[in-house]
Amino acid sequence: MLTYTAKRIGLALLVALAVSALAFLALRASGDVAIALAGEGARAEDIENIRKIYGLDRPLVVQYVEWLWNMLRGDFGQSLYFKTDVLSLVLDKLPTTLYLALFSLIFSLAISVPLGVLAAVYPNSWIDRTCLTLAVVGQAMPNFFFALILVMVLAVWFHLLPVSGSETWAHFVMPTIALGYYVAPPFMRLVRAGMIEVLASDYVRTARAKGLSAASIIGKHALRNALVPIVALAAVQLGYLLGGSVVIETIFALDGLGYLAFTSITHLDIPVTQSIVALLSFVYVGLTLAADLANAWLDPRIRVG
């Protein structure tokens, strides 16, 4: 296990380094930072002075190494639009996005696992087809479109929930449903496929022959083994929810990282945008690493292989 862990950590560090380089270069390739800082109508000498002040006239490799070193020391620079420390700004918005991601993941598991079990217990029946239809609709419908439907029904027509803000739990209900339903279909299909495979295994047939109840077979034997792949998928989906909430946070005006990213992109605040992309990428890599280690601990065949 130690050898496997060391290899996975080494690979995760390499991936994080590559992602940070891509984040740095992608934003540099999107346009001239000096022109963005100087603003429209700036003179050529003003733009050149800004390049010298911010070190933008140096080679990209030197700029990247300095940015990475400063970031490792906790110095993410100053926001060009908010005029404050980037790290404190990001940490102030992080809890909102984290709550939204966790609530959405819990909601998606709460609906996908029971539906996947039902579809597996009654394969090729109307129940199975209904569950698969719900999964297809959830995967095919864009989350922003579903979010607008929720706003129309729950906020405009019935006045049940607030449309925007992040002050109370009620402000998170519609964003949670919109994001959670979008990521639920992969969970449901994975649970269904795993349950069908496990229910056809020898030890389940032996359990039936011993006279165990259907609830005991499904809950204690089949579902426990079928949920092992869910660990890895849950980590991946949580990373997606953290980084993919920009549109939902913008629609509902949630004061989180997604809304901050939208604002920083709109106002060409490159230090904030760059830091958000890098941090969320690191979190995604870390979650994937944790899922790999958890699966290796649950299933020894993974680390042996």
Foldseek 3Di string as FASTA:
>chain_A
DVVLLVVLVVVLVVQLVVLLVCLLVVLVVVDPLLDLLQDPPGDPVSSVVSCVVVVVVDDPVVVSVVCVVCVVVVQLDAWSPVRGGLSVLQVVQAVLLLVLLVLLLVVLCVPQLVLLLQCQVDPPDVSVVVSVVLLVCLQPDQLLVQLVVCCCPCCVPVNNADQAEDPDPRLSPSSSVSLNSNLNSVSNVLLNVQLNVQCPDDVLVVCVVVPDDPCCSVPVPRNVVSCLVVLLVSLQSSLCSSVVCLSVCVRRVYRHLSVVLVVCVVSVRSSNVSVSSSVSSSSSSVSNSVSLVVSCVVDVVSSVD
